[in-house]
Protein backbone atom coordinates (compact mmCIF):
# COMPACT_ATOMS: atom_id res chain seq x y z
CA MET A 1 34.41 98.91 112.07
CA GLU A 2 35.75 96.05 114.16
CA THR A 3 34.73 92.50 113.25
CA LEU A 4 34.34 89.93 116.00
CA LEU A 5 35.09 86.34 115.12
CA GLN A 6 33.18 83.64 116.92
CA SER A 7 34.10 80.03 117.32
CA ARG A 8 31.36 77.69 116.10
CA ASP A 9 31.19 76.23 119.61
CA GLN A 10 30.94 79.59 121.36
CA LEU A 11 27.80 80.38 123.32
CA VAL A 12 25.57 83.14 121.99
CA TYR A 13 23.21 85.07 124.28
CA ALA A 14 20.14 86.68 122.74
CA GLU A 15 16.70 88.06 123.44
CA VAL A 16 13.83 85.67 122.81
CA TYR A 17 11.82 85.95 119.59
CA ILE A 18 8.58 84.28 118.58
CA SER A 19 10.53 82.00 116.25
CA ASP A 20 12.31 80.57 119.34
CA MET A 21 9.12 79.53 121.15
CA LEU A 22 8.85 75.96 119.86
CA SER A 23 12.39 75.15 121.06
CA LEU A 24 11.76 76.83 124.43
CA LYS A 25 8.48 74.96 124.83
CA ASN A 26 10.29 71.66 124.18
CA ILE A 27 13.05 72.45 126.71
CA PHE A 28 10.43 73.31 129.33
CA LEU A 29 8.26 70.24 128.69
CA GLN A 30 11.28 67.90 128.80
CA SER A 31 12.70 69.46 131.97
CA GLN A 32 9.33 69.26 133.74
CA THR A 33 8.21 65.95 132.18
CA LEU A 34 4.89 67.50 131.16
CA GLN A 35 2.63 67.17 128.14
CA LYS A 36 1.32 70.76 128.19
CA LEU A 37 2.71 74.08 129.34
CA ASN A 38 1.62 75.54 132.66
CA GLN A 39 2.05 78.93 134.35
CA ASN A 40 5.63 78.03 135.34
CA PHE A 41 6.63 78.48 131.69
CA GLY A 42 6.34 82.22 132.29
CA VAL A 43 7.37 84.77 129.67
CA PRO A 44 10.80 83.91 128.21
CA PHE A 45 13.13 86.88 127.72
CA LEU A 46 16.71 85.65 127.24
CA LEU A 47 18.29 82.52 125.77
CA VAL A 48 21.67 80.95 125.21
CA LYS A 49 22.55 78.82 122.23
CA LYS A 50 25.50 77.05 120.69
CA LYS A 51 25.52 76.94 116.90
CA ASP A 52 21.79 76.79 116.12
CA THR A 53 20.74 74.84 119.20
CA ILE A 54 19.09 76.60 122.14
CA LEU A 55 20.53 75.23 125.37
CA ALA A 56 18.72 77.31 128.00
CA PHE A 57 16.37 80.21 128.54
CA ALA A 58 15.41 82.64 131.28
CA THR A 59 11.74 83.32 131.83
CA LEU A 60 9.76 85.79 133.92
CA ILE A 61 7.59 84.17 136.58
CA LEU A 62 5.48 85.21 139.55
CA THR A 63 6.56 83.88 142.93
CA GLU A 64 4.09 82.52 145.48
CA ASN A 65 4.20 86.01 147.07
CA GLY A 66 3.15 87.60 143.77
CA GLU A 67 6.57 89.10 143.10
CA ILE A 68 8.27 89.11 139.71
CA ALA A 69 11.33 86.89 139.42
CA PHE A 70 12.98 84.78 136.77
CA LYS A 71 13.76 81.10 136.41
CA ILE A 72 16.27 79.30 134.20
CA TYR A 73 15.35 76.19 132.24
CA GLU A 74 18.24 74.40 130.58
CA SER A 75 18.94 71.26 128.67
CA ASN A 76 22.72 70.94 128.54
CA LEU A 77 24.94 73.57 130.15
CA THR A 78 28.09 73.05 132.17
CA GLU A 79 28.10 74.49 135.69
CA TRP A 80 30.25 77.43 134.55
CA GLU A 81 27.99 78.13 131.54
CA LYS A 82 24.91 78.02 133.78
CA LYS A 83 26.45 80.47 136.29
CA ASN A 84 27.43 82.80 133.47
CA PHE A 85 23.92 82.65 132.00
CA ILE A 86 22.34 83.34 135.40
CA PHE A 87 24.63 86.38 135.79
CA ARG A 88 23.60 87.69 132.36
CA ALA A 89 19.92 87.06 133.05
CA GLU A 90 20.13 88.90 136.40
CA HIS A 91 21.77 91.89 134.74
CA TYR A 92 19.14 91.95 131.98
CA PHE A 93 16.30 91.50 134.50
CA LYS A 94 17.46 94.43 136.65
CA LYS A 95 17.97 96.69 133.64
CA LYS A 96 14.55 96.26 131.98
CA THR A 97 11.70 98.59 132.90
CA THR A 98 8.90 97.36 130.65
CA ALA A 99 5.57 96.30 132.17
CA ASN A 100 6.22 92.55 132.28
CA PHE A 101 9.39 93.19 134.30
CA ARG A 102 7.79 95.61 136.78
CA ASN A 103 4.01 95.07 136.97
CA PRO A 104 2.87 91.75 138.48
CA GLN A 105 -0.68 92.03 137.08
CA GLN A 106 0.65 92.66 133.58
CA LEU A 107 3.01 89.69 133.85
CA LYS A 108 0.21 87.43 135.14
CA SER A 109 -1.89 88.35 132.12
CA SER A 110 1.03 87.88 129.71
CA ILE A 111 1.86 84.45 131.13
CA SER A 112 -1.75 83.33 130.83
CA ARG A 113 -1.99 84.47 127.20
CA MET A 114 1.39 82.97 126.27
CA VAL A 115 0.61 79.57 127.79
CA SER A 116 -2.83 79.45 126.18
CA TRP A 117 -1.40 80.39 122.78
CA LEU A 118 1.45 77.84 122.91
CA ASN A 119 -0.79 75.02 124.17
CA VAL A 120 -3.08 75.37 121.13
CA GLY A 121 -0.39 74.15 118.72
């Protein structure tokens, strides 16, 4: 089996887990200068981190037309890193077929539940 070595400063791309939510919430609140989450937080699905620090995340949102899209929230990426992350998020977004990625009503419900849950804490 081949072993891949990673530099400690290398970016790591990963799916979002519940354990990531506090960091994602903080990135969102700081970028929007808000005290509480709103529907724009969406449902996060992909993140990028360096060492143990999350730098950005991609989240599913509903557009004004009711279509499913994604938005990037970031705290400290270079322009090249941001473009690379957007490319990866687009690829992931197009590939997924689960309900949140394809059913606007399901996503609307998921966003509402996620925001309510995260605003309790």
